[in-house]
Amino acid sequence: MTLLYIDTNIFINAIRDENNRKGEDMSMPAIKMFADAASCKYHLLVSDWAMEELFKIVSKEESLMIFKVIEKKVIRVGYNDCDVAAAKQKSHIHFEDALHIIIAEKSKSDAIITRNDKDFIKIGTYLPVKKPEQL
């Protein structure tokens, strides 16, 4: 089974029916990816870090529907002080993204799913970095 590490912004896209600056729909590809996971196409790695970031922006109540759909396909992953130190060493400027990379690599993810692919690639990872519509 393919393991996908999900960045915080993908949850936000699915919950908040968002378009990008070009007017392109960002929510439907995210929702489709979650539906594919619910249909056993993927398992989703969701970190405590992603949840901390998400709940600063979106309430737990708002996110409940997404988590109900994918709950059986989610593998929760934690992080520790060593991961935080490694992320700070990897990138001071993009510490938050670097921590996602550290957690995804440590969790043996097959890919990182994010809208912020340019920063993830710039920081550096051996994992493929994709947007939901690229799956």
N, C-alpha and C. Protein backbone atom coordinates (compact mmCIF):
# COMPACT_ATOMS: atom_id res chain seq x y z
N MET A 1 0.84 -1.19 0.00
CA MET A 1 0.00 0.00 0.00
C MET A 1 0.88 1.23 0.00
N THR A 2 0.53 2.19 -0.79
CA THR A 2 1.26 3.45 -0.89
C THR A 2 0.98 4.31 0.33
N LEU A 3 2.07 4.81 0.93
CA LEU A 3 1.97 5.70 2.09
C LEU A 3 2.22 7.14 1.65
N LEU A 4 1.27 8.00 1.84
CA LEU A 4 1.40 9.41 1.47
C LEU A 4 1.44 10.27 2.72
N TYR A 5 2.48 11.08 2.85
CA TYR A 5 2.56 12.04 3.95
C TYR A 5 1.80 13.30 3.51
N ILE A 6 0.82 13.71 4.32
CA ILE A 6 -0.05 14.82 3.95
C ILE A 6 0.34 16.09 4.70
N ASP A 7 0.70 17.12 3.94
CA ASP A 7 1.04 18.42 4.51
C ASP A 7 -0.26 19.13 4.94
N THR A 8 -0.13 20.01 5.86
CA THR A 8 -1.26 20.72 6.45
C THR A 8 -2.12 21.42 5.40
N ASN A 9 -1.49 22.02 4.39
CA ASN A 9 -2.26 22.81 3.44
C ASN A 9 -3.26 21.97 2.63
N ILE A 10 -3.03 20.68 2.50
CA ILE A 10 -3.96 19.83 1.78
C ILE A 10 -5.27 19.68 2.57
N PHE A 11 -5.16 19.55 3.88
CA PHE A 11 -6.37 19.52 4.72
C PHE A 11 -7.13 20.83 4.61
N ILE A 12 -6.41 21.93 4.65
CA ILE A 12 -7.05 23.24 4.57
C ILE A 12 -7.78 23.40 3.23
N ASN A 13 -7.14 22.97 2.14
CA ASN A 13 -7.78 23.04 0.83
C ASN A 13 -9.09 22.25 0.81
N ALA A 14 -9.09 21.06 1.37
CA ALA A 14 -10.28 20.22 1.36
C ALA A 14 -11.39 20.79 2.22
N ILE A 15 -11.02 21.38 3.34
CA ILE A 15 -12.01 21.90 4.28
C ILE A 15 -12.57 23.24 3.84
N ARG A 16 -11.74 24.06 3.22
CA ARG A 16 -12.11 25.45 2.96
C ARG A 16 -12.47 25.78 1.51
N ASP A 17 -12.71 24.83 0.65
CA ASP A 17 -13.15 25.09 -0.73
C ASP A 17 -12.39 26.28 -1.34
N GLU A 18 -11.09 26.12 -1.51
CA GLU A 18 -10.22 27.22 -1.95
C GLU A 18 -9.82 27.12 -3.42
N ASN A 19 -9.57 28.29 -3.99
CA ASN A 19 -8.98 28.41 -5.33
C ASN A 19 -7.61 29.06 -5.18
N ASN A 20 -6.72 28.79 -6.14
CA ASN A 20 -5.41 29.45 -6.10
C ASN A 20 -5.51 30.82 -6.76
N ARG A 21 -4.38 31.50 -6.87
CA ARG A 21 -4.37 32.86 -7.44
C ARG A 21 -4.83 32.91 -8.88
N LYS A 22 -4.69 31.79 -9.58
CA LYS A 22 -5.12 31.71 -10.98
C LYS A 22 -6.60 31.34 -11.09
N GLY A 23 -7.26 31.15 -9.95
CA GLY A 23 -8.66 30.78 -9.95
C GLY A 23 -8.90 29.29 -10.08
N GLU A 24 -7.84 28.49 -10.03
CA GLU A 24 -7.98 27.03 -10.16
C GLU A 24 -8.41 26.42 -8.83
N ASP A 25 -9.30 25.46 -8.93
CA ASP A 25 -9.84 24.79 -7.75
C ASP A 25 -8.75 23.95 -7.07
N MET A 26 -8.51 24.21 -5.80
CA MET A 26 -7.55 23.42 -5.04
C MET A 26 -8.25 22.42 -4.13
N SER A 27 -9.53 22.62 -3.90
CA SER A 27 -10.23 21.74 -2.97
C SER A 27 -10.59 20.39 -3.58
N MET A 28 -11.05 20.36 -4.82
CA MET A 28 -11.50 19.10 -5.41
C MET A 28 -10.36 18.08 -5.53
N PRO A 29 -9.16 18.45 -5.98
CA PRO A 29 -8.09 17.44 -6.00
C PRO A 29 -7.77 16.90 -4.60
N ALA A 30 -7.83 17.75 -3.58
CA ALA A 30 -7.59 17.29 -2.20
C ALA A 30 -8.70 16.35 -1.76
N ILE A 31 -9.93 16.72 -2.03
CA ILE A 31 -11.07 15.88 -1.65
C ILE A 31 -11.01 14.54 -2.37
N LYS A 32 -10.65 14.57 -3.65
CA LYS A 32 -10.53 13.32 -4.42
C LYS A 32 -9.45 12.43 -3.83
N MET A 33 -8.32 13.01 -3.43
CA MET A 33 -7.25 12.22 -2.83
C MET A 33 -7.73 11.56 -1.54
N PHE A 34 -8.47 12.31 -0.70
CA PHE A 34 -9.01 11.74 0.52
C PHE A 34 -10.02 10.63 0.20
N ALA A 35 -10.86 10.84 -0.81
CA ALA A 35 -11.82 9.81 -1.22
C ALA A 35 -11.09 8.56 -1.73
N ASP A 36 -10.03 8.76 -2.49
CA ASP A 36 -9.23 7.61 -2.97
C ASP A 36 -8.63 6.85 -1.80
N ALA A 37 -8.19 7.57 -0.78
CA ALA A 37 -7.65 6.91 0.41
C ALA A 37 -8.75 6.11 1.11
N ALA A 38 -9.92 6.69 1.22
CA ALA A 38 -11.04 5.98 1.85
C ALA A 38 -11.42 4.73 1.06
N SER A 39 -11.15 4.75 -0.26
CA SER A 39 -11.43 3.61 -1.14
C SER A 39 -10.25 2.64 -1.21
N CYS A 40 -9.34 2.77 -0.29
CA CYS A 40 -8.20 1.84 -0.15
C CYS A 40 -7.10 2.00 -1.20
N LYS A 41 -7.04 3.15 -1.85
CA LYS A 41 -5.96 3.37 -2.81
C LYS A 41 -4.66 3.78 -2.11
N TYR A 42 -4.77 4.49 -0.99
CA TYR A 42 -3.60 4.97 -0.24
C TYR A 42 -3.84 4.81 1.26
N HIS A 43 -2.74 4.83 1.99
CA HIS A 43 -2.77 5.08 3.43
C HIS A 43 -2.15 6.46 3.62
N LEU A 44 -2.67 7.23 4.54
CA LEU A 44 -2.22 8.59 4.74
C LEU A 44 -1.46 8.71 6.05
N LEU A 45 -0.25 9.25 5.96
CA LEU A 45 0.53 9.56 7.15
C LEU A 45 0.18 10.98 7.56
N VAL A 46 -0.33 11.12 8.76
CA VAL A 46 -0.73 12.43 9.27
C VAL A 46 0.04 12.65 10.57
N SER A 47 0.84 13.69 10.57
CA SER A 47 1.70 13.94 11.74
C SER A 47 1.00 14.80 12.78
N ASP A 48 1.47 14.63 14.00
CA ASP A 48 1.01 15.51 15.07
C ASP A 48 1.34 16.96 14.74
N TRP A 49 2.47 17.16 14.05
CA TRP A 49 2.87 18.51 13.63
C TRP A 49 1.83 19.11 12.68
N ALA A 50 1.38 18.32 11.70
CA ALA A 50 0.36 18.80 10.75
C ALA A 50 -0.93 19.15 11.49
N MET A 51 -1.28 18.32 12.47
CA MET A 51 -2.50 18.59 13.24
C MET A 51 -2.36 19.87 14.07
N GLU A 52 -1.20 20.08 14.66
CA GLU A 52 -0.97 21.32 15.42
C GLU A 52 -1.12 22.53 14.51
N GLU A 53 -0.52 22.47 13.32
CA GLU A 53 -0.64 23.58 12.37
C GLU A 53 -2.09 23.77 11.94
N LEU A 54 -2.77 22.66 11.62
CA LEU A 54 -4.14 22.72 11.13
C LEU A 54 -5.07 23.37 12.14
N PHE A 55 -4.97 22.95 13.40
CA PHE A 55 -5.90 23.44 14.41
C PHE A 55 -5.62 24.88 14.84
N LYS A 56 -4.53 25.47 14.35
CA LYS A 56 -4.32 26.91 14.54
C LYS A 56 -5.14 27.71 13.53
N ILE A 57 -5.53 27.04 12.43
CA ILE A 57 -6.21 27.71 11.33
C ILE A 57 -7.68 27.29 11.23
N VAL A 58 -7.94 26.02 11.45
CA VAL A 58 -9.27 25.44 11.28
C VAL A 58 -9.66 24.76 12.59
N SER A 59 -10.88 24.92 13.00
CA SER A 59 -11.32 24.28 14.24
C SER A 59 -11.44 22.77 14.06
N LYS A 60 -11.37 22.06 15.16
CA LYS A 60 -11.54 20.60 15.12
C LYS A 60 -12.92 20.25 14.56
N GLU A 61 -13.91 21.04 14.88
CA GLU A 61 -15.26 20.78 14.39
C GLU A 61 -15.32 20.90 12.87
N GLU A 62 -14.65 21.92 12.32
CA GLU A 62 -14.63 22.11 10.86
C GLU A 62 -13.95 20.93 10.16
N SER A 63 -12.95 20.36 10.79
CA SER A 63 -12.18 19.30 10.15
C SER A 63 -12.75 17.91 10.39
N LEU A 64 -13.76 17.80 11.22
CA LEU A 64 -14.31 16.51 11.61
C LEU A 64 -14.76 15.67 10.41
N MET A 65 -15.41 16.27 9.42
CA MET A 65 -15.92 15.51 8.28
C MET A 65 -14.79 14.81 7.52
N ILE A 66 -13.71 15.53 7.26
CA ILE A 66 -12.58 14.93 6.53
C ILE A 66 -12.03 13.75 7.31
N PHE A 67 -11.86 13.91 8.60
CA PHE A 67 -11.27 12.85 9.41
C PHE A 67 -12.20 11.66 9.55
N LYS A 68 -13.50 11.89 9.53
CA LYS A 68 -14.44 10.76 9.56
C LYS A 68 -14.32 9.92 8.29
N VAL A 69 -14.11 10.57 7.16
CA VAL A 69 -14.01 9.87 5.87
C VAL A 69 -12.73 9.02 5.81
N ILE A 70 -11.64 9.54 6.36
CA ILE A 70 -10.34 8.88 6.19
C ILE A 70 -9.83 8.16 7.43
N GLU A 71 -10.60 8.15 8.51
CA GLU A 71 -10.08 7.67 9.79
C GLU A 71 -9.47 6.28 9.74
N LYS A 72 -9.98 5.37 8.93
CA LYS A 72 -9.44 4.01 8.88
C LYS A 72 -8.20 3.91 7.99
N LYS A 73 -7.88 4.97 7.27
CA LYS A 73 -6.73 4.96 6.37
C LYS A 73 -5.61 5.89 6.85
N VAL A 74 -5.76 6.41 8.07
CA VAL A 74 -4.78 7.34 8.61
C VAL A 74 -3.84 6.62 9.57
N ILE A 75 -2.57 6.89 9.38
CA ILE A 75 -1.54 6.45 10.32
C ILE A 75 -0.98 7.71 10.95
N ARG A 76 -1.20 7.89 12.24
CA ARG A 76 -0.69 9.08 12.95
C ARG A 76 0.78 8.88 13.25
N VAL A 77 1.56 9.91 13.03
CA VAL A 77 2.98 9.87 13.34
C VAL A 77 3.36 11.07 14.19
N GLY A 78 4.21 10.82 15.15
CA GLY A 78 4.64 11.87 16.05
C GLY A 78 5.97 12.46 15.63
N TYR A 79 6.48 13.32 16.46
CA TYR A 79 7.81 13.89 16.27
C TYR A 79 8.37 14.18 17.64
N ASN A 80 9.68 14.40 17.69
CA ASN A 80 10.32 14.64 18.98
C ASN A 80 11.31 15.80 18.88
N ASP A 81 11.99 16.08 19.97
CA ASP A 81 12.94 17.20 20.01
C ASP A 81 14.08 17.02 19.02
N CYS A 82 14.50 15.78 18.79
CA CYS A 82 15.57 15.52 17.81
C CYS A 82 15.10 15.88 16.40
N ASP A 83 13.84 15.59 16.09
CA ASP A 83 13.28 15.95 14.79
C ASP A 83 13.23 17.47 14.63
N VAL A 84 12.85 18.17 15.68
CA VAL A 84 12.79 19.63 15.65
C VAL A 84 14.19 20.20 15.42
N ALA A 85 15.19 19.67 16.11
CA ALA A 85 16.57 20.14 15.94
C ALA A 85 17.06 19.87 14.52
N ALA A 86 16.73 18.70 14.00
CA ALA A 86 17.14 18.36 12.63
C ALA A 86 16.48 19.28 11.61
N ALA A 87 15.22 19.62 11.85
CA ALA A 87 14.49 20.52 10.94
C ALA A 87 15.09 21.92 10.97
N LYS A 88 15.45 22.40 12.17
CA LYS A 88 16.06 23.73 12.27
C LYS A 88 17.41 23.76 11.57
N GLN A 89 18.12 22.66 11.62
CA GLN A 89 19.41 22.57 10.95
C GLN A 89 19.22 22.50 9.43
N LYS A 90 18.17 21.84 9.01
CA LYS A 90 17.90 21.67 7.58
C LYS A 90 17.47 22.99 6.93
N SER A 91 16.67 23.79 7.66
CA SER A 91 16.23 25.08 7.13
C SER A 91 15.70 25.98 8.25
N HIS A 92 16.41 27.09 8.48
CA HIS A 92 15.91 28.07 9.45
C HIS A 92 14.73 28.84 8.87
N ILE A 93 14.81 29.14 7.59
CA ILE A 93 13.80 29.96 6.93
C ILE A 93 12.47 29.22 6.82
N HIS A 94 12.53 27.95 6.46
CA HIS A 94 11.32 27.15 6.25
C HIS A 94 11.27 25.99 7.25
N PHE A 95 11.48 26.31 8.52
CA PHE A 95 11.51 25.30 9.56
C PHE A 95 10.28 24.40 9.54
N GLU A 96 9.08 24.98 9.38
CA GLU A 96 7.84 24.22 9.42
C GLU A 96 7.82 23.14 8.34
N ASP A 97 8.23 23.52 7.12
CA ASP A 97 8.27 22.56 6.02
C ASP A 97 9.39 21.53 6.23
N ALA A 98 10.51 21.99 6.76
CA ALA A 98 11.61 21.06 7.03
C ALA A 98 11.20 20.00 8.04
N LEU A 99 10.40 20.39 9.03
CA LEU A 99 9.93 19.41 10.01
C LEU A 99 9.00 18.40 9.34
N HIS A 100 8.16 18.85 8.43
CA HIS A 100 7.32 17.90 7.68
C HIS A 100 8.21 16.90 6.92
N ILE A 101 9.27 17.39 6.30
CA ILE A 101 10.17 16.51 5.56
C ILE A 101 10.82 15.49 6.49
N ILE A 102 11.33 15.94 7.62
CA ILE A 102 11.98 15.05 8.58
C ILE A 102 11.00 13.96 9.01
N ILE A 103 9.78 14.33 9.34
CA ILE A 103 8.77 13.37 9.80
C ILE A 103 8.41 12.40 8.67
N ALA A 104 8.22 12.91 7.46
CA ALA A 104 7.85 12.05 6.32
C ALA A 104 8.95 11.04 6.03
N GLU A 105 10.20 11.49 6.04
CA GLU A 105 11.31 10.57 5.77
C GLU A 105 11.42 9.53 6.88
N LYS A 106 11.31 9.96 8.12
CA LYS A 106 11.41 9.05 9.26
C LYS A 106 10.28 8.01 9.23
N SER A 107 9.13 8.40 8.70
CA SER A 107 7.95 7.53 8.67
C SER A 107 7.92 6.62 7.44
N LYS A 108 8.95 6.72 6.61
CA LYS A 108 9.05 5.88 5.41
C LYS A 108 7.89 6.10 4.43
N SER A 109 7.55 7.35 4.27
CA SER A 109 6.51 7.73 3.32
C SER A 109 7.00 7.45 1.90
N ASP A 110 6.05 7.20 1.01
CA ASP A 110 6.38 7.02 -0.40
C ASP A 110 6.40 8.35 -1.15
N ALA A 111 5.74 9.37 -0.60
CA ALA A 111 5.71 10.70 -1.22
C ALA A 111 5.17 11.70 -0.20
N ILE A 112 5.49 12.97 -0.45
CA ILE A 112 4.93 14.07 0.34
C ILE A 112 3.92 14.78 -0.55
N ILE A 113 2.72 14.97 -0.02
CA ILE A 113 1.66 15.64 -0.77
C ILE A 113 1.49 17.03 -0.16
N THR A 114 1.71 18.05 -0.99
CA THR A 114 1.67 19.44 -0.53
C THR A 114 1.33 20.36 -1.69
N ARG A 115 0.88 21.55 -1.39
CA ARG A 115 0.75 22.61 -2.39
C ARG A 115 2.04 23.40 -2.48
N ASN A 116 2.86 23.29 -1.48
CA ASN A 116 4.08 24.08 -1.35
C ASN A 116 5.28 23.30 -1.88
N ASP A 117 5.13 22.71 -3.04
CA ASP A 117 6.16 21.80 -3.56
C ASP A 117 7.51 22.50 -3.80
N LYS A 118 7.49 23.74 -4.21
CA LYS A 118 8.76 24.43 -4.50
C LYS A 118 9.64 24.56 -3.26
N ASP A 119 9.06 24.93 -2.13
CA ASP A 119 9.85 25.05 -0.90
C ASP A 119 10.34 23.69 -0.43
N PHE A 120 9.51 22.68 -0.53
CA PHE A 120 9.93 21.34 -0.11
C PHE A 120 11.10 20.85 -0.96
N ILE A 121 11.03 21.07 -2.26
CA ILE A 121 12.11 20.67 -3.15
C ILE A 121 13.36 21.49 -2.86
N LYS A 122 13.19 22.78 -2.62
CA LYS A 122 14.33 23.66 -2.30
C LYS A 122 15.03 23.22 -1.01
N ILE A 123 14.25 22.87 0.02
CA ILE A 123 14.83 22.41 1.28
C ILE A 123 15.58 21.10 1.06
N GLY A 124 14.99 20.22 0.28
CA GLY A 124 15.65 18.98 -0.08
C GLY A 124 15.10 17.76 0.62
N THR A 125 14.74 16.78 -0.18
CA THR A 125 14.29 15.48 0.30
C THR A 125 14.48 14.47 -0.82
N TYR A 126 14.69 13.23 -0.44
CA TYR A 126 14.78 12.18 -1.44
C TYR A 126 13.39 11.68 -1.85
N LEU A 127 12.36 12.08 -1.12
CA LEU A 127 11.00 11.66 -1.43
C LEU A 127 10.41 12.47 -2.58
N PRO A 128 9.58 11.86 -3.40
CA PRO A 128 8.85 12.64 -4.40
C PRO A 128 7.92 13.63 -3.69
N VAL A 129 7.84 14.83 -4.21
CA VAL A 129 6.98 15.87 -3.67
C VAL A 129 5.92 16.16 -4.73
N LYS A 130 4.64 15.95 -4.39
CA LYS A 130 3.58 16.05 -5.37
C LYS A 130 2.40 16.85 -4.84
N LYS A 131 1.61 17.34 -5.77
CA LYS A 131 0.33 17.96 -5.46
C LYS A 131 -0.73 16.86 -5.60
N PRO A 132 -1.89 17.01 -4.96
CA PRO A 132 -2.90 15.96 -5.03
C PRO A 132 -3.30 15.57 -6.46
N GLU A 133 -3.36 16.55 -7.34
CA GLU A 133 -3.77 16.25 -8.72
C GLU A 133 -2.71 15.49 -9.50
N GLN A 134 -1.51 15.36 -8.97
CA GLN A 134 -0.45 14.61 -9.63
C GLN A 134 -0.45 13.12 -9.26
N LEU A 135 -1.35 12.73 -8.40
CA LEU A 135 -1.42 11.31 -8.00
C LEU A 135 -2.09 10.49 -9.07
